[in-house]
Every structure is written in structure tokens, then in C-alpha cells.
Amino acid sequence: MRKRTNFSWLCMSAILLVTSCLCSCRPSPKGCVITGQVKAGGYEGRMVCLCDPYTHAVLDSVSVRDGKFRFIPKDSVEDVLQLRLKLSDDDLFPITLPVVTEKGTVRTVLGELVLTSGTPLNDALQDFLLAVDRFSGEMAKSGKEAAEMRREFMHLLETSILQNRSNPIGVYIFRTYSNRLTSERRAAVLEKAGEEFRKKIE
């Protein structure tokens, strides 16, 4: 009877050990992967850089192969970075695209048209970029006074910042476009966005 008890205990221990090993061997949750397609000629073999959008410091780079590229950012923090692709080393007008390093697969397209999608925050960022493009196109045809266009653009920026105050897109928009806001409007946006947002800006 005693031997049976020991045998049962050993079997149970073995099962628990195997279960523990299987659980620990499961792949960890997938992080951020940025995939890209280059839909423009002349860029094969050129380097795509992943940069800080404010300082333009290069954080990582990969070459274009068969019109494609791929990044796996080392930092797991959600943030807005910028893709930059030059046609030549002295190219003064590179293709650029902001992307959010969000968990999941981020799909990007670089060319005459640029696109970021695949995760909720990248979809939201793309919506903002398209809104800016639409505004520019509509204002060019509207015949409105410059002061009125500026007021309307400030309203677009304020709305977009406040909609994204709890994610890195709001910080990106504020830091990138704050020079389009008057000092009074900047102060008002910061006040409405709240303390956590202000800390991120500071």
C-alpha cells in the first residue's frame, strides 16, 4: 500500500513537471513588428532608417530587398517613431512616415503615397495624416482667407490631440505641429489634455 502511494505521488509530480515545462516553453506574446513595401523605383538596396521623429537620430536601419523591409523594434514601449528612406545619400527630400511601435504587426507602404496600418494606434495615426492631407487639398480650392484657414487648422490639431491624449499620437501631434498653434491655444490644449499629458510633453 505504501509503495502504491509513493508511485501515485511520483506520477503526479511528473505530470506537474511536464505541464510546467510545456507552459514555460510557450512562445512569449508577440511584440511589435514593422513590415514595409516600397512602391517606388530606384530604392532597391537603399537603407530604410527607423528614427526619432524629433531629433532625427537613427535608431535602426535595414536595406530594401525585393521592394520590402522589416523592423523588430528592441524597445517594447509604445511610441511614435519615423521611417525615413532616401533615394541617395544627399537626398534632401526623403520619403518619411511616422509609425507607432504598438504590439502587433504594423504594415507600412513607402512611395508617392505613404501608409501605416495594422494596429489600432497606427490606424488612428493614418486617420490623422489623411485628415491633414484632406484639409490641405480642400483649403487650396476654398479661396478662404489665410487667417480663417489657420483657425480651422488649429481646430483640427486641437481635436486630434485631445482625441489621442492618452496615447503617444497626441504627444506626437502636439510636438510636431505646436508651432501651428498660438501660445494661447497651446496653453488651452495642455490644460484640457490633463496632467499626465503635460508630463509627457515636459
Protein backbone atom coordinates (compact mmCIF):
# COMPACT_ATOMS: atom_id res chain seq x y z
CA MET A 1 0.00 0.00 0.00
CA ARG A 2 2.85 2.35 0.84
CA LYS A 3 4.59 1.67 -2.48
CA ARG A 4 1.40 2.47 -4.41
CA THR A 5 1.11 5.80 -2.60
CA ASN A 6 4.71 6.70 -3.50
CA PHE A 7 4.15 5.65 -7.11
CA SER A 8 0.99 7.80 -7.36
CA TRP A 9 2.84 10.75 -5.88
CA LEU A 10 5.69 10.30 -8.37
CA CYS A 11 3.25 10.14 -11.28
CA MET A 12 1.51 13.30 -10.14
CA SER A 13 4.85 15.10 -9.73
CA ALA A 14 5.91 14.05 -13.22
CA ILE A 15 2.66 15.33 -14.72
CA LEU A 16 3.04 18.65 -12.93
CA LEU A 17 6.65 18.94 -14.08
CA VAL A 18 5.76 18.24 -17.71
CA THR A 19 2.86 20.69 -17.56
CA SER A 20 5.12 23.34 -16.08
CA CYS A 21 7.71 22.80 -18.81
CA LEU A 22 5.11 22.99 -21.55
CA CYS A 23 3.73 26.22 -20.15
CA SER A 24 7.17 27.78 -19.85
CA CYS A 25 8.04 26.73 -23.40
CA ARG A 26 5.09 28.54 -24.96
CA PRO A 27 6.20 31.41 -27.16
CA SER A 28 6.05 34.76 -25.43
CA PRO A 29 3.44 37.26 -26.60
CA LYS A 30 4.32 38.75 -29.97
CA GLY A 31 5.86 42.21 -29.82
CA CYS A 32 5.92 44.93 -32.43
CA VAL A 33 6.93 44.04 -35.99
CA ILE A 34 7.06 46.72 -38.68
CA THR A 35 6.76 45.38 -42.21
CA GLY A 36 7.05 47.58 -45.26
CA GLN A 37 6.67 47.73 -49.01
CA VAL A 38 8.44 50.28 -51.17
CA LYS A 39 6.25 51.23 -54.10
CA ALA A 40 8.66 53.49 -55.94
CA GLY A 41 11.53 52.82 -58.29
CA GLY A 42 15.23 53.22 -57.55
CA TYR A 43 15.19 52.24 -53.87
CA GLU A 44 16.32 48.62 -54.09
CA GLY A 45 19.27 48.12 -51.74
CA ARG A 46 18.80 51.53 -50.12
CA MET A 47 18.60 51.78 -46.32
CA VAL A 48 15.33 52.41 -44.55
CA CYS A 49 16.04 54.13 -41.23
CA LEU A 50 13.92 53.99 -38.10
CA CYS A 51 14.43 57.37 -36.45
CA ASP A 52 13.48 59.53 -33.51
CA PRO A 53 10.88 61.88 -35.07
CA TYR A 54 12.11 64.92 -33.12
CA THR A 55 15.91 64.62 -33.12
CA HIS A 56 16.08 62.51 -36.33
CA ALA A 57 18.64 60.26 -34.66
CA VAL A 58 18.81 56.86 -36.38
CA LEU A 59 17.74 54.04 -34.04
CA ASP A 60 17.93 51.15 -36.53
CA SER A 61 18.26 50.57 -40.26
CA VAL A 62 17.65 47.80 -42.80
CA SER A 63 18.07 47.58 -46.55
CA VAL A 64 15.26 47.28 -49.07
CA ARG A 65 15.19 43.76 -50.54
CA ASP A 66 12.74 42.85 -53.29
CA GLY A 67 10.87 46.02 -52.50
CA LYS A 68 10.33 45.06 -48.86
CA PHE A 69 11.80 45.71 -45.41
CA ARG A 70 11.17 44.65 -41.82
CA PHE A 71 11.95 46.01 -38.35
CA ILE A 72 11.54 44.44 -34.92
CA PRO A 73 11.98 47.36 -32.50
CA LYS A 74 14.00 46.40 -29.43
CA ASP A 75 12.16 48.79 -27.12
CA SER A 76 8.74 47.49 -26.09
CA VAL A 77 7.44 50.94 -25.14
CA GLU A 78 4.64 52.32 -27.32
CA ASP A 79 5.93 55.40 -29.08
CA VAL A 80 5.82 57.21 -32.40
CA LEU A 81 8.96 56.75 -34.49
CA GLN A 82 9.66 57.75 -38.07
CA LEU A 83 10.59 55.70 -41.12
CA ARG A 84 12.95 57.51 -43.49
CA LEU A 85 14.05 56.37 -46.94
CA LYS A 86 16.48 58.30 -49.14
CA LEU A 87 16.97 57.83 -52.86
CA SER A 88 20.63 58.85 -52.44
CA ASP A 89 22.91 59.89 -49.59
CA ASP A 90 22.39 63.57 -50.38
CA ASP A 91 18.63 63.31 -50.95
CA LEU A 92 17.12 66.43 -49.36
CA PHE A 93 13.55 65.18 -49.66
CA PRO A 94 13.43 61.61 -48.31
CA ILE A 95 10.22 59.61 -48.01
CA THR A 96 9.13 59.79 -44.37
CA LEU A 97 6.32 58.16 -42.43
CA PRO A 98 5.52 58.20 -38.69
CA VAL A 99 4.62 54.81 -37.18
CA VAL A 100 3.53 53.70 -33.72
CA THR A 101 5.58 50.90 -32.13
CA GLU A 102 2.49 49.11 -30.92
CA LYS A 103 2.21 45.40 -30.14
CA GLY A 104 1.27 43.56 -33.33
CA THR A 105 2.22 43.72 -36.99
CA VAL A 106 2.42 47.23 -38.39
CA ARG A 107 2.03 47.36 -42.17
CA THR A 108 3.59 50.30 -43.98
CA VAL A 109 3.89 51.48 -47.56
CA LEU A 110 6.50 53.98 -48.75
CA GLY A 111 6.21 55.65 -52.14
CA GLU A 112 4.30 58.51 -53.72
CA LEU A 113 1.63 57.59 -51.19
CA VAL A 114 2.60 56.57 -47.66
CA LEU A 115 0.51 54.37 -45.40
CA THR A 116 0.63 52.90 -41.91
CA SER A 117 -1.96 50.38 -40.69
CA GLY A 118 -2.43 47.04 -38.98
CA THR A 119 -2.87 48.06 -35.33
CA PRO A 120 -5.43 50.36 -33.67
CA LEU A 121 -2.98 53.18 -32.99
CA ASN A 122 -1.46 53.05 -36.46
CA ASP A 123 -4.95 53.18 -37.95
CA ALA A 124 -5.65 56.25 -35.78
CA LEU A 125 -2.37 57.85 -36.86
CA GLN A 126 -3.23 57.22 -40.51
CA ASP A 127 -6.63 58.84 -39.98
CA PHE A 128 -4.89 61.97 -38.69
CA LEU A 129 -2.42 62.06 -41.60
CA LEU A 130 -5.27 61.69 -44.10
CA ALA A 131 -7.23 64.43 -42.33
CA VAL A 132 -4.26 66.80 -42.72
CA ASP A 133 -3.96 65.88 -46.43
CA ARG A 134 -7.68 66.42 -46.99
CA PHE A 135 -7.54 69.76 -45.19
CA SER A 136 -4.64 70.93 -47.37
CA GLY A 137 -6.43 69.89 -50.54
CA GLU A 138 -9.73 71.49 -49.58
CA MET A 139 -8.17 74.72 -48.38
CA ALA A 140 -6.21 75.11 -51.61
CA LYS A 141 -9.51 75.18 -53.51
CA SER A 142 -11.62 77.07 -50.97
CA GLY A 143 -10.40 80.60 -51.57
CA LYS A 144 -10.64 81.33 -47.83
CA GLU A 145 -8.56 83.97 -46.11
CA ALA A 146 -5.28 82.80 -44.56
CA ALA A 147 -6.45 83.72 -41.05
CA GLU A 148 -9.60 81.62 -41.40
CA MET A 149 -7.64 78.65 -42.75
CA ARG A 150 -5.24 78.91 -39.83
CA ARG A 151 -8.11 78.92 -37.34
CA GLU A 152 -9.64 75.84 -38.95
CA PHE A 153 -6.32 74.01 -38.99
CA MET A 154 -5.75 74.83 -35.32
CA HIS A 155 -9.18 73.36 -34.58
CA LEU A 156 -8.22 70.15 -36.44
CA LEU A 157 -4.99 69.90 -34.45
CA GLU A 158 -6.67 70.56 -31.11
CA THR A 159 -9.38 67.97 -31.77
CA SER A 160 -6.82 65.36 -32.85
CA ILE A 161 -4.57 65.99 -29.85
CA LEU A 162 -7.40 65.71 -27.35
CA GLN A 163 -8.78 62.58 -29.01
CA ASN A 164 -5.34 60.99 -28.60
CA ARG A 165 -4.34 62.50 -25.26
CA SER A 166 -3.96 59.04 -23.65
CA ASN A 167 -1.67 57.59 -26.33
CA PRO A 168 1.61 58.62 -28.00
CA ILE A 169 -0.14 60.02 -31.07
CA GLY A 170 -1.39 63.01 -29.09
CA VAL A 171 2.15 63.77 -27.92
CA TYR A 172 3.47 63.37 -31.49
CA ILE A 173 0.88 65.75 -32.94
CA PHE A 174 1.49 68.35 -30.24
CA ARG A 175 5.27 68.24 -30.52
CA THR A 176 5.28 68.18 -34.33
CA TYR A 177 2.61 70.78 -35.02
CA SER A 178 2.63 73.00 -31.92
CA ASN A 179 4.23 75.82 -33.94
CA ARG A 180 0.94 75.99 -35.87
CA LEU A 181 -0.88 76.87 -32.64
CA THR A 182 -0.82 80.26 -30.97
CA SER A 183 0.66 80.35 -27.48
CA GLU A 184 -2.84 80.81 -26.06
CA ARG A 185 -4.19 77.79 -27.95
CA ARG A 186 -1.19 75.68 -26.89
CA ALA A 187 -1.84 76.54 -23.25
CA ALA A 188 -5.54 75.75 -23.64
CA VAL A 189 -4.83 72.35 -25.21
CA LEU A 190 -2.38 71.45 -22.45
CA GLU A 191 -4.93 72.44 -19.83
CA LYS A 192 -7.69 70.35 -21.44
CA ALA A 193 -5.39 67.36 -22.06
CA GLY A 194 -4.65 66.92 -18.36
CA GLU A 195 -1.68 66.44 -16.07
CA GLU A 196 -0.46 63.10 -17.45
CA PHE A 197 -0.30 64.54 -20.96
CA ARG A 198 1.56 67.63 -19.75
CA LYS A 199 4.15 65.41 -18.02
CA LYS A 200 4.79 63.59 -21.30
CA ILE A 201 5.26 66.86 -23.14
CA GLU A 202 7.63 68.18 -20.48
